Amino acid sequence: MARSRGLRLWLAHAAYAGAALGLMAVLLMPLWIPPGGLPGPDLLTGLTFAWVLRRPEQVPVLLIAAVMLTADLMLQRPPGLWAALALAASEVLRSRRRTARPLSFAMEWALVALLISAMALADWVLLTVTLASHAPLAHMLAATAVTIAAYPLPALALRLAGIRRLDYPQGVIRRTRT
């Protein structure tokens, strides 16, 4: 039984890494986007947050760091900046998951929206302060809005894949009235 559980955990790690690499491959495809068009959503961040909220044991910290750093390098973003912000936000979600009752989907979406907004603002401010080249503020706000609006897609994909939220966080015992 322990071997089966360990194998399922490793398969979940591989599934997350495979889904992340698949999303990165799609992002690297030479698709034509009209000038001034809306940016695409960051589905990789959404997928990571949705997975951490549903099954935090399946996406360990080092795997998230490796996936996000790989995304930074492949998508030609400043190496490590978005990865560090995403890792910090995923740890906020992970710690929240351990200490509180499950959220409704609307509250989950609001929490993820708050974290993605904070990440985008921190990214933009850090790039501005260091005088690195980056998109204008309006483009960053549009990209953030599109990412927040698209968050239900990865959550739905995880639900269809059979990765559902646990009823209660680990370590919390459900008490019944007698």
C-alpha atoms as a PDB file:
ATOM      1  CA  MET A   1       0.000   0.000   0.000  1.00  0.00           C
ATOM      2  CA  ALA A   2       2.823   2.418   0.846  1.00  0.00           C
ATOM      3  CA  ARG A   3       4.518   1.642  -2.458  1.00  0.00           C
ATOM      4  CA  SER A   4       1.287   2.327  -4.304  1.00  0.00           C
ATOM      5  CA  ARG A   5       0.855   5.692  -2.548  1.00  0.00           C
ATOM      6  CA  GLY A   6       4.468   6.637  -3.275  1.00  0.00           C
ATOM      7  CA  LEU A   7       4.050   5.671  -6.911  1.00  0.00           C
ATOM      8  CA  ARG A   8       0.872   7.755  -7.188  1.00  0.00           C
ATOM      9  CA  LEU A   9       2.704  10.723  -5.690  1.00  0.00           C
ATOM     10  CA  TRP A  10       5.546  10.420  -8.202  1.00  0.00           C
ATOM     11  CA  LEU A  11       3.024  10.088 -11.023  1.00  0.00           C
ATOM     12  CA  ALA A  12       1.329  13.278  -9.801  1.00  0.00           C
ATOM     13  CA  HIS A  13       4.719  15.053  -9.798  1.00  0.00           C
ATOM     14  CA  ALA A  14       5.290  13.848 -13.356  1.00  0.00           C
ATOM     15  CA  ALA A  15       1.776  14.907 -14.397  1.00  0.00           C
ATOM     16  CA  TYR A  16       2.341  18.448 -13.084  1.00  0.00           C
ATOM     17  CA  ALA A  17       5.733  18.702 -14.774  1.00  0.00           C
ATOM     18  CA  GLY A  18       4.319  17.302 -18.024  1.00  0.00           C
ATOM     19  CA  ALA A  19       1.362  19.695 -17.999  1.00  0.00           C
ATOM     20  CA  ALA A  20       3.709  22.604 -17.312  1.00  0.00           C
ATOM     21  CA  LEU A  21       6.029  21.625 -20.159  1.00  0.00           C
ATOM     22  CA  GLY A  22       3.024  21.219 -22.452  1.00  0.00           C
ATOM     23  CA  LEU A  23       1.815  24.730 -21.595  1.00  0.00           C
ATOM     24  CA  MET A  24       5.321  26.116 -22.200  1.00  0.00           C
ATOM     25  CA  ALA A  25       5.472  24.367 -25.569  1.00  0.00           C
ATOM     26  CA  VAL A  26       2.178  25.973 -26.580  1.00  0.00           C
ATOM     27  CA  LEU A  27       3.491  29.373 -25.498  1.00  0.00           C
ATOM     28  CA  LEU A  28       6.594  28.915 -27.634  1.00  0.00           C
ATOM     29  CA  MET A  29       4.599  28.189 -30.786  1.00  0.00           C
ATOM     30  CA  PRO A  30       4.856  30.962 -33.380  1.00  0.00           C
ATOM     31  CA  LEU A  31       1.265  32.164 -33.177  1.00  0.00           C
ATOM     32  CA  TRP A  32       0.466  35.530 -34.689  1.00  0.00           C
ATOM     33  CA  ILE A  33      -0.928  38.093 -32.265  1.00  0.00           C
ATOM     34  CA  PRO A  34      -2.066  41.412 -33.706  1.00  0.00           C
ATOM     35  CA  PRO A  35      -0.239  44.518 -32.434  1.00  0.00           C
ATOM     36  CA  GLY A  36      -2.021  46.006 -29.455  1.00  0.00           C
ATOM     37  CA  GLY A  37      -4.015  42.802 -28.932  1.00  0.00           C
ATOM     38  CA  LEU A  38      -4.762  41.372 -25.525  1.00  0.00           C
ATOM     39  CA  PRO A  39      -1.974  39.269 -24.036  1.00  0.00           C
ATOM     40  CA  GLY A  40      -2.655  35.632 -23.366  1.00  0.00           C
ATOM     41  CA  PRO A  41      -3.308  34.375 -19.840  1.00  0.00           C
ATOM     42  CA  ASP A  42      -0.554  32.891 -17.719  1.00  0.00           C
ATOM     43  CA  LEU A  43      -2.126  29.452 -17.461  1.00  0.00           C
ATOM     44  CA  LEU A  44       1.018  27.978 -15.904  1.00  0.00           C
ATOM     45  CA  THR A  45       0.672  30.176 -12.820  1.00  0.00           C
ATOM     46  CA  GLY A  46      -3.041  29.416 -12.665  1.00  0.00           C
ATOM     47  CA  LEU A  47      -2.398  25.691 -12.963  1.00  0.00           C
ATOM     48  CA  THR A  48       0.212  25.823 -10.217  1.00  0.00           C
ATOM     49  CA  PHE A  49      -2.047  27.735  -7.834  1.00  0.00           C
ATOM     50  CA  ALA A  50      -5.060  25.519  -8.538  1.00  0.00           C
ATOM     51  CA  TRP A  51      -2.977  22.368  -7.978  1.00  0.00           C
ATOM     52  CA  VAL A  52      -1.477  23.699  -4.726  1.00  0.00           C
ATOM     53  CA  LEU A  53      -4.948  24.534  -3.411  1.00  0.00           C
ATOM     54  CA  ARG A  54      -6.281  21.090  -4.284  1.00  0.00           C
ATOM     55  CA  ARG A  55      -3.400  18.721  -3.567  1.00  0.00           C
ATOM     56  CA  PRO A  56      -0.410  20.537  -2.052  1.00  0.00           C
ATOM     57  CA  GLU A  57       1.516  17.310  -1.464  1.00  0.00           C
ATOM     58  CA  GLN A  58       1.565  16.654  -5.229  1.00  0.00           C
ATOM     59  CA  VAL A  59       3.460  19.854  -6.098  1.00  0.00           C
ATOM     60  CA  PRO A  60       6.501  20.205  -3.835  1.00  0.00           C
ATOM     61  CA  VAL A  61       8.392  23.467  -3.512  1.00  0.00           C
ATOM     62  CA  LEU A  62      11.422  22.326  -5.504  1.00  0.00           C
ATOM     63  CA  LEU A  63       9.254  21.134  -8.394  1.00  0.00           C
ATOM     64  CA  ILE A  64       7.437  24.481  -8.542  1.00  0.00           C
ATOM     65  CA  ALA A  65      10.766  26.315  -8.432  1.00  0.00           C
ATOM     66  CA  ALA A  66      12.208  24.176 -11.234  1.00  0.00           C
ATOM     67  CA  VAL A  67       9.118  24.519 -13.434  1.00  0.00           C
ATOM     68  CA  MET A  68       8.830  28.282 -12.962  1.00  0.00           C
ATOM     69  CA  LEU A  69      12.549  28.873 -13.489  1.00  0.00           C
ATOM     70  CA  THR A  70      12.388  26.787 -16.662  1.00  0.00           C
ATOM     71  CA  ALA A  71       9.430  28.902 -17.799  1.00  0.00           C
ATOM     72  CA  ASP A  72      11.389  32.090 -17.076  1.00  0.00           C
ATOM     73  CA  LEU A  73      14.290  30.861 -19.189  1.00  0.00           C
ATOM     74  CA  MET A  74      12.187  29.507 -22.046  1.00  0.00           C
ATOM     75  CA  LEU A  75       9.893  32.538 -22.241  1.00  0.00           C
ATOM     76  CA  GLN A  76      12.813  34.987 -21.963  1.00  0.00           C
ATOM     77  CA  ARG A  77      11.670  36.636 -18.771  1.00  0.00           C
ATOM     78  CA  PRO A  78      14.163  37.884 -16.174  1.00  0.00           C
ATOM     79  CA  PRO A  79      15.486  34.608 -14.761  1.00  0.00           C
ATOM     80  CA  GLY A  80      14.147  33.843 -11.345  1.00  0.00           C
ATOM     81  CA  LEU A  81      11.990  36.907 -10.709  1.00  0.00           C
ATOM     82  CA  TRP A  82       8.586  35.503 -11.665  1.00  0.00           C
ATOM     83  CA  ALA A  83       9.685  32.102 -10.353  1.00  0.00           C
ATOM     84  CA  ALA A  84      10.444  33.578  -6.917  1.00  0.00           C
ATOM     85  CA  LEU A  85       7.166  35.502  -6.847  1.00  0.00           C
ATOM     86  CA  ALA A  86       5.162  32.436  -7.908  1.00  0.00           C
ATOM     87  CA  LEU A  87       6.952  30.279  -5.353  1.00  0.00           C
ATOM     88  CA  ALA A  88       6.222  32.763  -2.560  1.00  0.00           C
ATOM     89  CA  ALA A  89       2.552  33.000  -3.583  1.00  0.00           C
ATOM     90  CA  SER A  90       2.202  29.220  -3.818  1.00  0.00           C
ATOM     91  CA  GLU A  91       3.625  28.911  -0.308  1.00  0.00           C
ATOM     92  CA  VAL A  92       1.051  31.424   0.934  1.00  0.00           C
ATOM     93  CA  LEU A  93      -1.644  29.227  -0.597  1.00  0.00           C
ATOM     94  CA  ARG A  94      -0.071  26.069   0.814  1.00  0.00           C
ATOM     95  CA  SER A  95       0.121  27.486   4.347  1.00  0.00           C
ATOM     96  CA  ARG A  96      -3.445  28.770   4.107  1.00  0.00           C
ATOM     97  CA  ARG A  97      -4.571  25.312   3.025  1.00  0.00           C
ATOM     98  CA  ARG A  98      -3.108  23.683   6.127  1.00  0.00           C
ATOM     99  CA  THR A  99      -4.637  26.042   8.656  1.00  0.00           C
ATOM    100  CA  ALA A 100      -8.148  26.854   7.500  1.00  0.00           C
ATOM    101  CA  ARG A 101     -11.319  25.287   6.221  1.00  0.00           C
ATOM    102  CA  PRO A 102     -11.806  24.847   2.475  1.00  0.00           C
ATOM    103  CA  LEU A 103     -12.819  27.887   0.461  1.00  0.00           C
ATOM    104  CA  SER A 104     -15.723  28.170  -1.899  1.00  0.00           C
ATOM    105  CA  PHE A 105     -14.624  28.528  -5.501  1.00  0.00           C
ATOM    106  CA  ALA A 106     -15.519  32.238  -5.514  1.00  0.00           C
ATOM    107  CA  MET A 107     -13.332  32.866  -2.452  1.00  0.00           C
ATOM    108  CA  GLU A 108     -10.548  30.746  -3.939  1.00  0.00           C
ATOM    109  CA  TRP A 109     -10.722  32.770  -7.150  1.00  0.00           C
ATOM    110  CA  ALA A 110     -10.623  36.037  -5.174  1.00  0.00           C
ATOM    111  CA  LEU A 111      -7.588  34.869  -3.181  1.00  0.00           C
ATOM    112  CA  VAL A 112      -5.780  33.791  -6.337  1.00  0.00           C
ATOM    113  CA  ALA A 113      -6.720  37.110  -7.991  1.00  0.00           C
ATOM    114  CA  LEU A 114      -5.238  39.006  -5.059  1.00  0.00           C
ATOM    115  CA  LEU A 115      -2.010  36.999  -5.189  1.00  0.00           C
ATOM    116  CA  ILE A 116      -1.643  37.289  -8.972  1.00  0.00           C
ATOM    117  CA  SER A 117      -2.233  41.042  -8.761  1.00  0.00           C
ATOM    118  CA  ALA A 118       0.361  41.392  -6.001  1.00  0.00           C
ATOM    119  CA  MET A 119       2.837  39.297  -8.013  1.00  0.00           C
ATOM    120  CA  ALA A 120       2.317  41.351 -11.170  1.00  0.00           C
ATOM    121  CA  LEU A 121       2.681  44.633  -9.301  1.00  0.00           C
ATOM    122  CA  ALA A 122       5.830  43.438  -7.517  1.00  0.00           C
ATOM    123  CA  ASP A 123       7.254  42.215 -10.829  1.00  0.00           C
ATOM    124  CA  TRP A 124       6.549  45.533 -12.543  1.00  0.00           C
ATOM    125  CA  VAL A 125       7.948  47.605  -9.646  1.00  0.00           C
ATOM    126  CA  LEU A 126      11.126  45.516  -9.377  1.00  0.00           C
ATOM    127  CA  LEU A 127      11.730  45.705 -13.121  1.00  0.00           C
ATOM    128  CA  THR A 128      11.126  49.468 -13.039  1.00  0.00           C
ATOM    129  CA  VAL A 129      13.446  50.051 -10.078  1.00  0.00           C
ATOM    130  CA  THR A 130      16.246  48.034 -11.674  1.00  0.00           C
ATOM    131  CA  LEU A 131      15.742  49.866 -15.001  1.00  0.00           C
ATOM    132  CA  ALA A 132      15.215  46.585 -16.825  1.00  0.00           C
ATOM    133  CA  SER A 133      13.176  46.646 -20.002  1.00  0.00           C
ATOM    134  CA  HIS A 134       9.573  45.631 -19.430  1.00  0.00           C
ATOM    135  CA  ALA A 135       6.060  46.139 -20.705  1.00  0.00           C
ATOM    136  CA  PRO A 136       4.168  49.329 -19.897  1.00  0.00           C
ATOM    137  CA  LEU A 137       1.880  49.384 -16.870  1.00  0.00           C
ATOM    138  CA  ALA A 138      -1.275  49.194 -19.005  1.00  0.00           C
ATOM    139  CA  HIS A 139      -0.041  46.009 -20.693  1.00  0.00           C
ATOM    140  CA  MET A 140       0.819  44.475 -17.315  1.00  0.00           C
ATOM    141  CA  LEU A 141      -2.646  45.323 -15.976  1.00  0.00           C
ATOM    142  CA  ALA A 142      -4.289  43.779 -19.049  1.00  0.00           C
ATOM    143  CA  ALA A 143      -2.189  40.624 -18.735  1.00  0.00           C
ATOM    144  CA  THR A 144      -3.087  40.368 -15.051  1.00  0.00           C
ATOM    145  CA  ALA A 145      -6.803  40.794 -15.763  1.00  0.00           C
ATOM    146  CA  VAL A 146      -6.714  38.134 -18.493  1.00  0.00           C
ATOM    147  CA  THR A 147      -4.852  35.718 -16.214  1.00  0.00           C
ATOM    148  CA  ILE A 148      -7.341  36.247 -13.394  1.00  0.00           C
ATOM    149  CA  ALA A 149     -10.291  35.819 -15.753  1.00  0.00           C
ATOM    150  CA  ALA A 150      -8.801  32.581 -17.106  1.00  0.00           C
ATOM    151  CA  TYR A 151      -8.158  30.998 -13.682  1.00  0.00           C
ATOM    152  CA  PRO A 152     -11.274  28.771 -13.857  1.00  0.00           C
ATOM    153  CA  LEU A 153      -9.800  26.972 -16.903  1.00  0.00           C
ATOM    154  CA  PRO A 154      -6.935  25.255 -15.055  1.00  0.00           C
ATOM    155  CA  ALA A 155      -9.219  24.618 -12.077  1.00  0.00           C
ATOM    156  CA  LEU A 156     -11.739  22.945 -14.379  1.00  0.00           C
ATOM    157  CA  ALA A 157      -8.983  20.969 -16.120  1.00  0.00           C
ATOM    158  CA  LEU A 158      -7.807  19.633 -12.758  1.00  0.00           C
ATOM    159  CA  ARG A 159     -11.357  18.719 -11.814  1.00  0.00           C
ATOM    160  CA  LEU A 160     -11.807  16.837 -15.090  1.00  0.00           C
ATOM    161  CA  ALA A 161      -8.484  15.077 -14.499  1.00  0.00           C
ATOM    162  CA  GLY A 162      -9.779  13.830 -11.146  1.00  0.00           C
ATOM    163  CA  ILE A 163      -7.681  16.126  -8.957  1.00  0.00           C
ATOM    164  CA  ARG A 164     -10.221  17.476  -6.507  1.00  0.00           C
ATOM    165  CA  ARG A 165      -9.998  19.462  -3.303  1.00  0.00           C
ATOM    166  CA  LEU A 166      -9.752  17.524  -0.090  1.00  0.00           C
ATOM    167  CA  ASP A 167     -12.634  18.102   2.292  1.00  0.00           C
ATOM    168  CA  TYR A 168     -10.424  19.138   5.166  1.00  0.00           C
ATOM    169  CA  PRO A 169      -6.773  20.131   5.411  1.00  0.00           C
ATOM    170  CA  GLN A 170      -4.269  17.565   6.563  1.00  0.00           C
ATOM    171  CA  GLY A 171      -4.155  17.243  10.323  1.00  0.00           C
ATOM    172  CA  VAL A 172      -7.677  18.564  10.918  1.00  0.00           C
ATOM    173  CA  ILE A 173     -10.048  16.004  12.340  1.00  0.00           C
ATOM    174  CA  ARG A 174     -13.710  16.389  11.569  1.00  0.00           C
ATOM    175  CA  ARG A 175     -15.698  16.260  14.769  1.00  0.00           C
ATOM    176  CA  THR A 176     -19.210  14.928  14.871  1.00  0.00           C
ATOM    177  CA  ARG A 177     -21.803  15.852  17.409  1.00  0.00           C
ATOM    178  CA  THR A 178     -22.981  13.113  19.704  1.00  0.00           C
END
